[in-house]
Amino acid sequence: MFSLFHLQYVGLLLLVLPGLLVMDQRWLYAAAVLPALLVNLALVGPFFVGGETAVSSSSRPAEPLRVMPLNISTSNAGYPQVVALLREREPDIVFMSEVRQDLVDLLAAELGELYPVQVAEPSRFTLGIAVLARDPAVQVQTEQAGESIGRMGRRYMQADFEWQGEAVTLVGIHP
């Protein structure tokens, strides 16, 4: 599985290896570093020189799933800009944190047709969360993250749906 760490490892190992080769009697260290470099090059190489990648072109979805996380900030008064951004970008799923009731009301009034699924757990504080979805078949549930006192605990929202024939679960939480 590819991660950005593999790319970083390649860069670091490419910097270290020549130094080890030119240092007197450091070729044993260089020999130890070389297998790590080769493994990481095998993982990242196809992304740069063509060939088959982790996701083949035949299995790539025709349309990418567009997910937008938004931290609204409870002190934000720019709700019209949030509505404008969502209209402009039209993401498929939106996860929002720090959501207050006045924003929930505005989203329902302004974006109800574009986002028929709107599930919100607003709060006057920073714990309010919401999910908006363009696909009416998206199932959203709110779960408690760990222990809480009353309604003041951390919650997360889980969206379950099918995307191009595949079951998908997305989770949004405010850290």
Protein backbone atom coordinates (compact mmCIF):
# COMPACT_ATOMS: atom_id res chain seq x y z
CA MET A 1 0.00 0.00 0.00
CA PHE A 2 1.34 3.41 -0.98
CA SER A 3 1.66 6.28 1.48
CA LEU A 4 3.44 9.59 1.36
CA PHE A 5 5.95 8.22 3.85
CA HIS A 6 7.31 5.93 1.13
CA LEU A 7 8.06 8.97 -1.00
CA GLN A 8 9.78 10.64 1.94
CA TYR A 9 11.81 7.50 2.62
CA VAL A 10 12.99 7.43 -1.00
CA GLY A 11 14.12 11.04 -0.78
CA LEU A 12 15.95 10.52 2.49
CA LEU A 13 17.59 7.30 1.37
CA LEU A 14 18.69 8.90 -1.91
CA LEU A 15 20.40 11.62 0.11
CA VAL A 16 22.04 9.23 2.58
CA LEU A 17 23.19 6.47 0.22
CA PRO A 18 25.74 8.48 -1.82
CA GLY A 19 27.26 9.83 1.37
CA LEU A 20 27.68 6.35 2.76
CA LEU A 21 29.27 5.13 -0.47
CA VAL A 22 31.98 7.81 -0.51
CA MET A 23 32.85 7.55 3.17
CA ASP A 24 35.74 5.28 3.98
CA GLN A 25 34.57 1.77 4.95
CA ARG A 26 30.87 2.74 5.10
CA TRP A 27 29.89 0.45 2.23
CA LEU A 28 28.40 -2.05 4.73
CA TYR A 29 25.97 0.64 5.89
CA ALA A 30 25.22 1.47 2.28
CA ALA A 31 24.49 -2.20 1.61
CA ALA A 32 22.02 -2.18 4.51
CA VAL A 33 20.28 0.96 3.21
CA LEU A 34 20.04 -0.26 -0.38
CA PRO A 35 17.24 -2.85 0.18
CA ALA A 36 15.09 -0.24 1.94
CA LEU A 37 15.61 2.13 -0.97
CA LEU A 38 14.70 -0.55 -3.53
CA VAL A 39 11.50 -1.54 -1.70
CA ASN A 40 10.33 2.06 -1.43
CA LEU A 41 11.26 2.79 -5.03
CA ALA A 42 9.17 -0.21 -6.11
CA LEU A 43 6.21 1.25 -4.24
CA VAL A 44 6.45 4.83 -5.54
CA GLY A 45 8.11 4.28 -8.90
CA PRO A 46 4.96 3.38 -10.88
CA PHE A 47 3.39 6.72 -9.93
CA PHE A 48 6.23 8.56 -11.66
CA VAL A 49 7.23 6.39 -14.60
CA GLY A 50 3.85 5.13 -15.76
CA GLY A 51 2.87 1.54 -15.77
CA GLU A 52 0.34 0.00 -13.45
CA THR A 53 -0.46 1.97 -10.30
CA ALA A 54 -2.29 1.01 -7.14
CA VAL A 55 -5.55 1.92 -8.88
CA SER A 56 -5.59 0.77 -12.47
CA SER A 57 -7.14 3.06 -15.06
CA SER A 58 -9.82 0.47 -15.82
CA SER A 59 -11.00 0.40 -12.18
CA ARG A 60 -11.00 4.16 -11.66
CA PRO A 61 -14.46 5.59 -11.11
CA ALA A 62 -15.92 7.63 -13.92
CA GLU A 63 -16.79 10.37 -11.42
CA PRO A 64 -14.73 11.02 -8.31
CA LEU A 65 -16.52 11.22 -4.98
CA ARG A 66 -16.24 14.82 -3.80
CA VAL A 67 -16.12 15.16 -0.01
CA MET A 68 -15.78 18.56 1.67
CA PRO A 69 -14.91 18.95 5.36
CA LEU A 70 -15.75 22.39 6.75
CA ASN A 71 -14.87 23.75 10.17
CA ILE A 72 -17.32 26.62 10.36
CA SER A 73 -16.04 28.20 13.61
CA THR A 74 -18.71 29.20 16.08
CA SER A 75 -17.64 32.84 15.82
CA ASN A 76 -18.07 32.87 12.02
CA ALA A 77 -20.77 35.22 10.78
CA GLY A 78 -20.09 34.47 7.11
CA TYR A 79 -22.83 31.90 6.59
CA PRO A 80 -23.79 33.30 3.17
CA GLN A 81 -20.22 32.60 2.01
CA VAL A 82 -20.58 29.00 3.20
CA VAL A 83 -23.77 28.63 1.16
CA ALA A 84 -22.08 30.22 -1.88
CA LEU A 85 -19.08 27.88 -1.55
CA LEU A 86 -21.32 24.81 -1.44
CA ARG A 87 -23.28 26.00 -4.47
CA GLU A 88 -20.09 26.70 -6.39
CA ARG A 89 -18.25 23.45 -5.58
CA GLU A 90 -21.26 21.12 -5.25
CA PRO A 91 -19.50 18.41 -3.21
CA ASP A 92 -21.32 15.10 -2.91
CA ILE A 93 -20.92 14.91 0.88
CA VAL A 94 -20.17 17.73 3.32
CA PHE A 95 -19.00 17.19 6.90
CA MET A 96 -19.28 20.32 9.05
CA SER A 97 -18.02 21.01 12.55
CA GLU A 98 -18.78 23.86 14.97
CA VAL A 99 -22.32 24.07 13.60
CA ARG A 100 -24.93 26.25 15.30
CA GLN A 101 -28.70 26.16 14.87
CA ASP A 102 -28.83 29.39 12.84
CA LEU A 103 -26.55 27.81 10.21
CA VAL A 104 -28.65 24.63 10.15
CA ASP A 105 -31.76 26.74 9.48
CA LEU A 106 -30.03 28.67 6.68
CA LEU A 107 -28.73 25.48 5.02
CA ALA A 108 -32.20 23.91 5.07
CA ALA A 109 -33.75 27.03 3.52
CA GLU A 110 -31.05 27.72 0.92
CA LEU A 111 -29.72 24.27 0.02
CA GLY A 112 -32.61 21.89 0.66
CA GLU A 113 -32.96 20.93 -3.01
CA LEU A 114 -29.22 20.54 -3.65
CA TYR A 115 -28.69 18.58 -0.41
CA PRO A 116 -31.82 16.55 0.38
CA VAL A 117 -30.00 14.79 3.22
CA GLN A 118 -29.19 17.23 6.02
CA VAL A 119 -28.50 15.72 9.43
CA ALA A 120 -27.30 18.07 12.15
CA GLU A 121 -26.50 18.04 15.84
CA PRO A 122 -26.05 21.80 16.42
CA SER A 123 -24.49 23.31 19.52
CA ARG A 124 -23.89 26.83 20.80
CA PHE A 125 -20.35 25.70 21.52
CA THR A 126 -17.75 23.98 19.31
CA LEU A 127 -19.34 20.52 19.45
CA GLY A 128 -22.01 21.00 16.75
CA ILE A 129 -21.67 18.72 13.72
CA ALA A 130 -23.61 18.20 10.49
CA VAL A 131 -23.61 16.14 7.30
CA LEU A 132 -25.11 17.23 3.99
CA ALA A 133 -25.48 14.77 1.10
CA ARG A 134 -26.67 15.16 -2.46
CA ASP A 135 -27.73 11.51 -2.75
CA PRO A 136 -31.02 10.94 -0.92
CA ALA A 137 -30.03 7.29 -0.28
CA VAL A 138 -27.19 8.30 2.07
CA GLN A 139 -27.84 7.01 5.59
CA VAL A 140 -26.39 9.20 8.36
CA GLN A 141 -26.14 8.34 12.01
CA THR A 142 -24.67 10.15 14.99
CA GLU A 143 -22.51 8.22 17.42
CA GLN A 144 -20.93 9.13 20.73
CA ALA A 145 -17.11 9.16 20.75
CA GLY A 146 -16.05 7.94 24.19
CA GLU A 147 -17.61 8.87 27.50
CA SER A 148 -19.66 12.00 27.94
CA ILE A 149 -21.55 13.97 30.54
CA GLY A 150 -25.02 14.63 29.18
CA ARG A 151 -24.89 15.99 25.62
CA MET A 152 -21.48 17.62 26.05
CA GLY A 153 -19.37 14.73 24.77
CA ARG A 154 -17.70 14.41 21.40
CA ARG A 155 -19.90 12.98 18.71
CA TYR A 156 -19.19 11.88 15.19
CA MET A 157 -21.36 11.35 12.16
CA GLN A 158 -21.16 8.31 9.95
CA ALA A 159 -22.48 8.35 6.39
CA ASP A 160 -23.13 5.01 4.70
CA PHE A 161 -23.98 4.78 1.00
CA GLU A 162 -23.16 3.12 -2.29
CA TRP A 163 -20.84 4.84 -4.74
CA GLN A 164 -20.55 3.34 -8.20
CA GLY A 165 -21.56 -0.09 -6.95
CA GLU A 166 -19.30 -0.10 -3.88
CA ALA A 167 -20.34 0.25 -0.24
CA VAL A 168 -18.74 3.34 1.31
CA THR A 169 -18.61 4.54 4.90
CA LEU A 170 -17.33 8.02 5.72
CA VAL A 171 -16.88 9.36 9.23
CA GLY A 172 -16.68 13.01 10.23
CA ILE A 173 -15.61 14.18 13.68
CA HIS A 174 -14.47 17.44 15.17
CA PRO A 175 -11.08 16.84 16.82
